[in-house]
């Protein structure tokens, strides 16, 4: 019974996940820039000493870079049809 339950769960997860997840993560520059912006914002707010060395606009620049990467760079790639 457990084997049937786990195989059903595995099939459900396989349908939800992206077939080429590794290739997608290699091209996901917007995700990387958003994560860097979040990290920079956390560092600037938690560690006040660092705010002397990092500019206040770093988070905004990274978020604009993520927007730029998402709209202009990633849309040029050919869409992959679901199989």
C-alpha atoms as a PDB file:
ATOM      1  CA  UNK A   1       0.000   0.000   0.000  1.00  0.00           C
ATOM      2  CA  UNK A   2       2.793   2.429   0.844  1.00  0.00           C
ATOM      3  CA  UNK A   3       4.556   1.621  -2.405  1.00  0.00           C
ATOM      4  CA  UNK A   4       1.413   2.539  -4.333  1.00  0.00           C
ATOM      5  CA  UNK A   5       1.008   5.726  -2.335  1.00  0.00           C
ATOM      6  CA  UNK A   6       4.627   6.778  -2.902  1.00  0.00           C
ATOM      7  CA  UNK A   7       4.546   5.978  -6.618  1.00  0.00           C
ATOM      8  CA  UNK A   8       1.389   8.071  -6.974  1.00  0.00           C
ATOM      9  CA  UNK A   9       3.022  10.931  -5.101  1.00  0.00           C
ATOM     10  CA  UNK A  10       6.137  10.609  -7.251  1.00  0.00           C
ATOM     11  CA  UNK A  11       4.047  10.796 -10.426  1.00  0.00           C
ATOM     12  CA  UNK A  12       2.195  13.858  -9.125  1.00  0.00           C
ATOM     13  CA  UNK A  13       5.469  15.614  -8.312  1.00  0.00           C
ATOM     14  CA  UNK A  14       6.897  14.706 -11.724  1.00  0.00           C
ATOM     15  CA  UNK A  15       3.905  16.360 -13.408  1.00  0.00           C
ATOM     16  CA  UNK A  16       4.373  19.555 -11.429  1.00  0.00           C
ATOM     17  CA  UNK A  17       8.149  19.920 -11.773  1.00  0.00           C
ATOM     18  CA  UNK A  18       9.789  21.416 -14.821  1.00  0.00           C
ATOM     19  CA  UNK A  19      11.153  18.721 -17.134  1.00  0.00           C
ATOM     20  CA  UNK A  20      14.436  20.578 -17.722  1.00  0.00           C
ATOM     21  CA  UNK A  21      14.937  22.073 -14.271  1.00  0.00           C
ATOM     22  CA  UNK A  22      18.753  22.174 -14.494  1.00  0.00           C
ATOM     23  CA  UNK A  23      18.691  24.032 -17.801  1.00  0.00           C
ATOM     24  CA  UNK A  24      16.068  26.436 -16.513  1.00  0.00           C
ATOM     25  CA  UNK A  25      18.110  27.275 -13.400  1.00  0.00           C
ATOM     26  CA  UNK A  26      21.174  27.983 -15.554  1.00  0.00           C
ATOM     27  CA  UNK A  27      19.218  30.644 -17.454  1.00  0.00           C
ATOM     28  CA  UNK A  28      17.226  32.050 -14.512  1.00  0.00           C
ATOM     29  CA  UNK A  29      19.095  35.321 -14.119  1.00  0.00           C
ATOM     30  CA  UNK A  30      16.046  37.156 -12.816  1.00  0.00           C
ATOM     31  CA  UNK A  31      15.758  34.699  -9.929  1.00  0.00           C
ATOM     32  CA  UNK A  32      19.429  35.074  -9.060  1.00  0.00           C
ATOM     33  CA  UNK A  33      19.223  38.863  -9.097  1.00  0.00           C
ATOM     34  CA  UNK A  34      16.108  38.868  -6.912  1.00  0.00           C
ATOM     35  CA  UNK A  35      17.883  36.625  -4.404  1.00  0.00           C
ATOM     36  CA  UNK A  36      20.914  38.946  -4.407  1.00  0.00           C
ATOM     37  CA  UNK A  37      18.643  41.949  -3.865  1.00  0.00           C
ATOM     38  CA  UNK A  38      16.996  40.250  -0.905  1.00  0.00           C
ATOM     39  CA  UNK A  39      20.379  39.333   0.548  1.00  0.00           C
ATOM     40  CA  UNK A  40      21.686  42.892   0.089  1.00  0.00           C
ATOM     41  CA  UNK A  41      18.582  44.338   1.727  1.00  0.00           C
ATOM     42  CA  UNK A  42      18.871  41.968   4.685  1.00  0.00           C
ATOM     43  CA  UNK A  43      22.573  42.769   5.108  1.00  0.00           C
ATOM     44  CA  UNK A  44      21.970  46.527   4.915  1.00  0.00           C
ATOM     45  CA  UNK A  45      19.239  46.372   7.549  1.00  0.00           C
ATOM     46  CA  UNK A  46      20.710  43.815   9.935  1.00  0.00           C
ATOM     47  CA  UNK A  47      24.366  44.834   9.938  1.00  0.00           C
ATOM     48  CA  UNK A  48      24.578  48.639  10.237  1.00  0.00           C
ATOM     49  CA  UNK A  49      28.371  48.678   9.856  1.00  0.00           C
ATOM     50  CA  UNK A  50      28.059  47.373   6.293  1.00  0.00           C
ATOM     51  CA  UNK A  51      25.816  50.276   5.283  1.00  0.00           C
ATOM     52  CA  UNK A  52      28.933  52.470   5.149  1.00  0.00           C
ATOM     53  CA  UNK A  53      30.379  50.295   2.369  1.00  0.00           C
ATOM     54  CA  UNK A  54      27.305  49.263   0.382  1.00  0.00           C
ATOM     55  CA  UNK A  55      25.248  51.942  -1.369  1.00  0.00           C
ATOM     56  CA  UNK A  56      21.592  52.356  -0.429  1.00  0.00           C
ATOM     57  CA  UNK A  57      20.517  51.939  -4.050  1.00  0.00           C
ATOM     58  CA  UNK A  58      22.098  48.475  -4.477  1.00  0.00           C
ATOM     59  CA  UNK A  59      18.795  46.692  -3.826  1.00  0.00           C
ATOM     60  CA  UNK A  60      17.010  48.876  -6.373  1.00  0.00           C
ATOM     61  CA  UNK A  61      19.704  48.273  -8.980  1.00  0.00           C
ATOM     62  CA  UNK A  62      19.535  44.507  -8.498  1.00  0.00           C
ATOM     63  CA  UNK A  63      15.741  44.495  -8.732  1.00  0.00           C
ATOM     64  CA  UNK A  64      15.866  46.585 -11.907  1.00  0.00           C
ATOM     65  CA  UNK A  65      18.431  44.138 -13.285  1.00  0.00           C
ATOM     66  CA  UNK A  66      16.066  41.266 -12.489  1.00  0.00           C
ATOM     67  CA  UNK A  67      13.245  43.051 -14.310  1.00  0.00           C
ATOM     68  CA  UNK A  68      15.529  43.690 -17.274  1.00  0.00           C
ATOM     69  CA  UNK A  69      16.685  40.060 -17.349  1.00  0.00           C
ATOM     70  CA  UNK A  70      13.140  38.731 -17.155  1.00  0.00           C
ATOM     71  CA  UNK A  71      11.572  40.928 -19.796  1.00  0.00           C
ATOM     72  CA  UNK A  72      14.348  41.355 -22.317  1.00  0.00           C
ATOM     73  CA  UNK A  73      16.757  38.457 -22.023  1.00  0.00           C
ATOM     74  CA  UNK A  74      14.668  35.437 -21.046  1.00  0.00           C
ATOM     75  CA  UNK A  75      11.848  36.164 -23.507  1.00  0.00           C
ATOM     76  CA  UNK A  76      14.243  35.796 -26.463  1.00  0.00           C
ATOM     77  CA  UNK A  77      14.632  32.090 -25.785  1.00  0.00           C
ATOM     78  CA  UNK A  78      12.348  29.679 -27.596  1.00  0.00           C
ATOM     79  CA  UNK A  79       9.465  28.409 -25.490  1.00  0.00           C
ATOM     80  CA  UNK A  80       9.500  24.715 -24.658  1.00  0.00           C
ATOM     81  CA  UNK A  81       6.189  22.943 -25.237  1.00  0.00           C
ATOM     82  CA  UNK A  82       4.889  20.665 -22.508  1.00  0.00           C
ATOM     83  CA  UNK A  83       5.298  17.030 -23.405  1.00  0.00           C
END
